[in-house]
Amino acid sequence: MFGLGTTELVIVLVVVLIFFGGKRLPQLGRSLGSSITNFKKGLKEPDEEKKDQQDDTKSS
């Protein structure tokens, strides 16, 4: 995964745990997940808008 081995991943996780603390990690996970979800929705929306516009021009 991205050229990272097990040791490097463990080190990164420990640093994140030390930096943010155990209580904030669930909050960070939720906000990261919702950000990714909103990003994916944002990528799909222009396609849906184009389809709606094409449907409107065809029905006119």
PDB file of N, CA and C in Angstrom:
ATOM      1  N   MET A   1       0.840  -1.167   0.000  1.00  0.00           N
ATOM      2  CA  MET A   1       0.000   0.000   0.000  1.00  0.00           C
ATOM      3  C   MET A   1       0.886   1.231   0.000  1.00  0.00           C
ATOM      4  N   PHE A   2       1.002   1.920  -1.097  1.00  0.00           N
ATOM      5  CA  PHE A   2       1.772   3.142  -1.248  1.00  0.00           C
ATOM      6  C   PHE A   2       3.233   2.936  -0.885  1.00  0.00           C
ATOM      7  N   GLY A   3       3.729   1.728  -0.958  1.00  0.00           N
ATOM      8  CA  GLY A   3       5.123   1.462  -0.640  1.00  0.00           C
ATOM      9  C   GLY A   3       5.412   1.496   0.847  1.00  0.00           C
ATOM     10  N   LEU A   4       4.390   1.451   1.688  1.00  0.00           N
ATOM     11  CA  LEU A   4       4.584   1.456   3.126  1.00  0.00           C
ATOM     12  C   LEU A   4       4.482   0.039   3.666  1.00  0.00           C
ATOM     13  N   GLY A   5       5.429  -0.307   4.510  1.00  0.00           N
ATOM     14  CA  GLY A   5       5.395  -1.616   5.136  1.00  0.00           C
ATOM     15  C   GLY A   5       4.629  -1.570   6.441  1.00  0.00           C
ATOM     16  N   THR A   6       4.567  -2.695   7.086  1.00  0.00           N
ATOM     17  CA  THR A   6       3.846  -2.798   8.349  1.00  0.00           C
ATOM     18  C   THR A   6       4.463  -1.902   9.413  1.00  0.00           C
ATOM     19  N   THR A   7       5.778  -1.893   9.470  1.00  0.00           N
ATOM     20  CA  THR A   7       6.461  -1.082  10.483  1.00  0.00           C
ATOM     21  C   THR A   7       6.157   0.399  10.308  1.00  0.00           C
ATOM     22  N   GLU A   8       6.192   0.874   9.069  1.00  0.00           N
ATOM     23  CA  GLU A   8       5.912   2.286   8.817  1.00  0.00           C
ATOM     24  C   GLU A   8       4.482   2.650   9.182  1.00  0.00           C
ATOM     25  N   LEU A   9       3.537   1.769   8.867  1.00  0.00           N
ATOM     26  CA  LEU A   9       2.136   2.029   9.209  1.00  0.00           C
ATOM     27  C   LEU A   9       1.938   2.090  10.718  1.00  0.00           C
ATOM     28  N   VAL A  10       2.594   1.209  11.455  1.00  0.00           N
ATOM     29  CA  VAL A  10       2.486   1.213  12.913  1.00  0.00           C
ATOM     30  C   VAL A  10       3.057   2.505  13.472  1.00  0.00           C
ATOM     31  N   ILE A  11       4.182   2.954  12.948  1.00  0.00           N
ATOM     32  CA  ILE A  11       4.794   4.199  13.410  1.00  0.00           C
ATOM     33  C   ILE A  11       3.870   5.377  13.141  1.00  0.00           C
ATOM     34  N   VAL A  12       3.275   5.437  11.962  1.00  0.00           N
ATOM     35  CA  VAL A  12       2.350   6.527  11.625  1.00  0.00           C
ATOM     36  C   VAL A  12       1.149   6.502  12.561  1.00  0.00           C
ATOM     37  N   LEU A  13       0.582   5.334  12.816  1.00  0.00           N
ATOM     38  CA  LEU A  13      -0.575   5.233  13.711  1.00  0.00           C
ATOM     39  C   LEU A  13      -0.228   5.664  15.131  1.00  0.00           C
ATOM     40  N   VAL A  14       0.959   5.310  15.612  1.00  0.00           N
ATOM     41  CA  VAL A  14       1.377   5.715  16.951  1.00  0.00           C
ATOM     42  C   VAL A  14       1.543   7.230  17.017  1.00  0.00           C
ATOM     43  N   VAL A  15       2.146   7.817  15.994  1.00  0.00           N
ATOM     44  CA  VAL A  15       2.328   9.272  15.976  1.00  0.00           C
ATOM     45  C   VAL A  15       0.975   9.973  15.955  1.00  0.00           C
ATOM     46  N   VAL A  16       0.036   9.480  15.164  1.00  0.00           N
ATOM     47  CA  VAL A  16      -1.311  10.071  15.113  1.00  0.00           C
ATOM     48  C   VAL A  16      -1.990   9.936  16.465  1.00  0.00           C
ATOM     49  N   LEU A  17      -1.840   8.787  17.102  1.00  0.00           N
ATOM     50  CA  LEU A  17      -2.445   8.580  18.414  1.00  0.00           C
ATOM     51  C   LEU A  17      -1.850   9.538  19.441  1.00  0.00           C
ATOM     52  N   ILE A  18      -0.548   9.738  19.407  1.00  0.00           N
ATOM     53  CA  ILE A  18       0.097  10.662  20.343  1.00  0.00           C
ATOM     54  C   ILE A  18      -0.318  12.095  20.042  1.00  0.00           C
ATOM     55  N   PHE A  19      -0.367  12.447  18.771  1.00  0.00           N
ATOM     56  CA  PHE A  19      -0.660  13.825  18.386  1.00  0.00           C
ATOM     57  C   PHE A  19      -2.094  14.222  18.695  1.00  0.00           C
ATOM     58  N   PHE A  20      -3.055  13.362  18.363  1.00  0.00           N
ATOM     59  CA  PHE A  20      -4.470  13.704  18.521  1.00  0.00           C
ATOM     60  C   PHE A  20      -5.087  13.149  19.802  1.00  0.00           C
ATOM     61  N   GLY A  21      -4.561  12.092  20.333  1.00  0.00           N
ATOM     62  CA  GLY A  21      -5.128  11.500  21.540  1.00  0.00           C
ATOM     63  C   GLY A  21      -6.227  10.511  21.208  1.00  0.00           C
ATOM     64  N   GLY A  22      -6.492   9.635  22.155  1.00  0.00           N
ATOM     65  CA  GLY A  22      -7.474   8.568  21.950  1.00  0.00           C
ATOM     66  C   GLY A  22      -8.900   9.050  21.856  1.00  0.00           C
ATOM     67  N   LYS A  23      -9.217  10.149  22.538  1.00  0.00           N
ATOM     68  CA  LYS A  23     -10.604  10.625  22.547  1.00  0.00           C
ATOM     69  C   LYS A  23     -11.007  11.275  21.230  1.00  0.00           C
ATOM     70  N   ARG A  24     -10.049  11.870  20.525  1.00  0.00           N
ATOM     71  CA  ARG A  24     -10.386  12.571  19.279  1.00  0.00           C
ATOM     72  C   ARG A  24     -10.340  11.684  18.051  1.00  0.00           C
ATOM     73  N   LEU A  25      -9.739  10.515  18.139  1.00  0.00           N
ATOM     74  CA  LEU A  25      -9.631   9.649  16.962  1.00  0.00           C
ATOM     75  C   LEU A  25     -10.984   9.251  16.371  1.00  0.00           C
ATOM     76  N   PRO A  26     -11.994   8.895  17.174  1.00  0.00           N
ATOM     77  CA  PRO A  26     -13.300   8.593  16.558  1.00  0.00           C
ATOM     78  C   PRO A  26     -13.899   9.786  15.820  1.00  0.00           C
ATOM     79  N   GLN A  27     -13.730  10.986  16.372  1.00  0.00           N
ATOM     80  CA  GLN A  27     -14.225  12.194  15.699  1.00  0.00           C
ATOM     81  C   GLN A  27     -13.512  12.393  14.372  1.00  0.00           C
ATOM     82  N   LEU A  28     -12.203  12.203  14.382  1.00  0.00           N
ATOM     83  CA  LEU A  28     -11.439  12.370  13.148  1.00  0.00           C
ATOM     84  C   LEU A  28     -11.858  11.344  12.102  1.00  0.00           C
ATOM     85  N   GLY A  29     -12.096  10.115  12.539  1.00  0.00           N
ATOM     86  CA  GLY A  29     -12.543   9.071  11.614  1.00  0.00           C
ATOM     87  C   GLY A  29     -13.887   9.388  10.995  1.00  0.00           C
ATOM     88  N   ARG A  30     -14.829   9.865  11.828  1.00  0.00           N
ATOM     89  CA  ARG A  30     -16.159  10.219  11.310  1.00  0.00           C
ATOM     90  C   ARG A  30     -16.075  11.374  10.323  1.00  0.00           C
ATOM     91  N   SER A  31     -15.300  12.402  10.675  1.00  0.00           N
ATOM     92  CA  SER A  31     -15.232  13.552   9.776  1.00  0.00           C
ATOM     93  C   SER A  31     -14.502  13.205   8.485  1.00  0.00           C
ATOM     94  N   LEU A  32     -13.508  12.341   8.570  1.00  0.00           N
ATOM     95  CA  LEU A  32     -12.821  11.912   7.348  1.00  0.00           C
ATOM     96  C   LEU A  32     -13.769  11.103   6.466  1.00  0.00           C
ATOM     97  N   GLY A  33     -14.539  10.213   7.075  1.00  0.00           N
ATOM     98  CA  GLY A  33     -15.504   9.418   6.313  1.00  0.00           C
ATOM     99  C   GLY A  33     -16.577  10.264   5.662  1.00  0.00           C
ATOM    100  N   SER A  34     -17.103  11.240   6.390  1.00  0.00           N
ATOM    101  CA  SER A  34     -18.135  12.100   5.797  1.00  0.00           C
ATOM    102  C   SER A  34     -17.543  12.997   4.711  1.00  0.00           C
ATOM    103  N   SER A  35     -16.296  13.396   4.876  1.00  0.00           N
ATOM    104  CA  SER A  35     -15.651  14.202   3.836  1.00  0.00           C
ATOM    105  C   SER A  35     -15.491  13.403   2.548  1.00  0.00           C
ATOM    106  N   ILE A  36     -15.084  12.165   2.681  1.00  0.00           N
ATOM    107  CA  ILE A  36     -14.924  11.313   1.501  1.00  0.00           C
ATOM    108  C   ILE A  36     -16.273  11.069   0.839  1.00  0.00           C
ATOM    109  N   THR A  37     -17.316  10.840   1.645  1.00  0.00           N
ATOM    110  CA  THR A  37     -18.659  10.632   1.099  1.00  0.00           C
ATOM    111  C   THR A  37     -19.143  11.858   0.337  1.00  0.00           C
ATOM    112  N   ASN A  38     -18.967  13.039   0.930  1.00  0.00           N
ATOM    113  CA  ASN A  38     -19.383  14.275   0.257  1.00  0.00           C
ATOM    114  C   ASN A  38     -18.574  14.520  -1.003  1.00  0.00           C
ATOM    115  N   PHE A  39     -17.302  14.179  -0.991  1.00  0.00           N
ATOM    116  CA  PHE A  39     -16.466  14.339  -2.178  1.00  0.00           C
ATOM    117  C   PHE A  39     -16.968  13.447  -3.310  1.00  0.00           C
ATOM    118  N   LYS A  40     -17.301  12.204  -2.983  1.00  0.00           N
ATOM    119  CA  LYS A  40     -17.818  11.280  -4.004  1.00  0.00           C
ATOM    120  C   LYS A  40     -19.152  11.768  -4.554  1.00  0.00           C
ATOM    121  N   LYS A  41     -20.019  12.297  -3.666  1.00  0.00           N
ATOM    122  CA  LYS A  41     -21.299  12.846  -4.126  1.00  0.00           C
ATOM    123  C   LYS A  41     -21.067  14.037  -5.043  1.00  0.00           C
ATOM    124  N   GLY A  42     -20.096  14.862  -4.696  1.00  0.00           N
ATOM    125  CA  GLY A  42     -19.772  16.030  -5.516  1.00  0.00           C
ATOM    126  C   GLY A  42     -19.273  15.642  -6.888  1.00  0.00           C
ATOM    127  N   LEU A  43     -18.554  14.534  -6.974  1.00  0.00           N
ATOM    128  CA  LEU A  43     -18.080  14.074  -8.273  1.00  0.00           C
ATOM    129  C   LEU A  43     -19.225  13.562  -9.135  1.00  0.00           C
ATOM    130  N   LYS A  44     -20.236  12.984  -8.509  1.00  0.00           N
ATOM    131  CA  LYS A  44     -21.360  12.425  -9.253  1.00  0.00           C
ATOM    132  C   LYS A  44     -22.376  13.480  -9.643  1.00  0.00           C
ATOM    133  N   GLU A  45     -22.514  14.547  -8.888  1.00  0.00           N
ATOM    134  CA  GLU A  45     -23.538  15.554  -9.137  1.00  0.00           C
ATOM    135  C   GLU A  45     -23.443  16.211 -10.510  1.00  0.00           C
ATOM    136  N   PRO A  46     -22.258  16.605 -10.980  1.00  0.00           N
ATOM    137  CA  PRO A  46     -22.228  17.217 -12.313  1.00  0.00           C
ATOM    138  C   PRO A  46     -22.763  16.280 -13.402  1.00  0.00           C
ATOM    139  N   ASP A  47     -22.486  14.988 -13.261  1.00  0.00           N
ATOM    140  CA  ASP A  47     -22.999  14.033 -14.238  1.00  0.00           C
ATOM    141  C   ASP A  47     -24.526  13.999 -14.202  1.00  0.00           C
ATOM    142  N   GLU A  48     -25.097  14.029 -13.010  1.00  0.00           N
ATOM    143  CA  GLU A  48     -26.557  14.011 -12.877  1.00  0.00           C
ATOM    144  C   GLU A  48     -27.170  15.295 -13.424  1.00  0.00           C
ATOM    145  N   GLU A  49     -26.493  16.432 -13.225  1.00  0.00           N
ATOM    146  CA  GLU A  49     -27.006  17.695 -13.747  1.00  0.00           C
ATOM    147  C   GLU A  49     -26.989  17.687 -15.274  1.00  0.00           C
ATOM    148  N   LYS A  50     -25.940  17.121 -15.862  1.00  0.00           N
ATOM    149  CA  LYS A  50     -25.867  17.039 -17.326  1.00  0.00           C
ATOM    150  C   LYS A  50     -26.993  16.167 -17.863  1.00  0.00           C
ATOM    151  N   LYS A  51     -27.269  15.054 -17.174  1.00  0.00           N
ATOM    152  CA  LYS A  51     -28.343  14.169 -17.608  1.00  0.00           C
ATOM    153  C   LYS A  51     -29.685  14.885 -17.523  1.00  0.00           C
ATOM    154  N   ASP A  52     -29.903  15.641 -16.449  1.00  0.00           N
ATOM    155  CA  ASP A  52     -31.152  16.397 -16.300  1.00  0.00           C
ATOM    156  C   ASP A  52     -31.302  17.427 -17.402  1.00  0.00           C
ATOM    157  N   GLN A  53     -30.215  18.115 -17.746  1.00  0.00           N
ATOM    158  CA  GLN A  53     -30.249  19.129 -18.793  1.00  0.00           C
ATOM    159  C   GLN A  53     -30.525  18.477 -20.139  1.00  0.00           C
ATOM    160  N   GLN A  54     -29.927  17.321 -20.393  1.00  0.00           N
ATOM    161  CA  GLN A  54     -30.147  16.630 -21.659  1.00  0.00           C
ATOM    162  C   GLN A  54     -31.586  16.156 -21.751  1.00  0.00           C
ATOM    163  N   ASP A  55     -32.133  15.675 -20.642  1.00  0.00           N
ATOM    164  CA  ASP A  55     -33.521  15.227 -20.633  1.00  0.00           C
ATOM    165  C   ASP A  55     -34.473  16.398 -20.889  1.00  0.00           C
ATOM    166  N   ASP A  56     -34.142  17.570 -20.311  1.00  0.00           N
ATOM    167  CA  ASP A  56     -34.979  18.747 -20.497  1.00  0.00           C
ATOM    168  C   ASP A  56     -34.956  19.202 -21.956  1.00  0.00           C
ATOM    169  N   THR A  57     -33.793  19.164 -22.616  1.00  0.00           N
ATOM    170  CA  THR A  57     -33.709  19.601 -24.000  1.00  0.00           C
ATOM    171  C   THR A  57     -34.394  18.608 -24.938  1.00  0.00           C
ATOM    172  N   LYS A  58     -34.361  17.323 -24.597  1.00  0.00           N
ATOM    173  CA  LYS A  58     -35.012  16.322 -25.428  1.00  0.00           C
ATOM    174  C   LYS A  58     -36.529  16.412 -25.321  1.00  0.00           C
ATOM    175  N   SER A  59     -37.019  16.745 -24.136  1.00  0.00           N
ATOM    176  CA  SER A  59     -38.474  16.808 -23.957  1.00  0.00           C
ATOM    177  C   SER A  59     -39.055  18.123 -24.500  1.00  0.00           C
ATOM    178  N   SER A  60     -38.214  19.115 -24.751  1.00  0.00           N
ATOM    179  CA  SER A  60     -38.717  20.410 -25.263  1.00  0.00           C
ATOM    180  C   SER A  60     -38.990  20.360 -26.728  1.00  0.00           C
TER     181      SER A  60
END
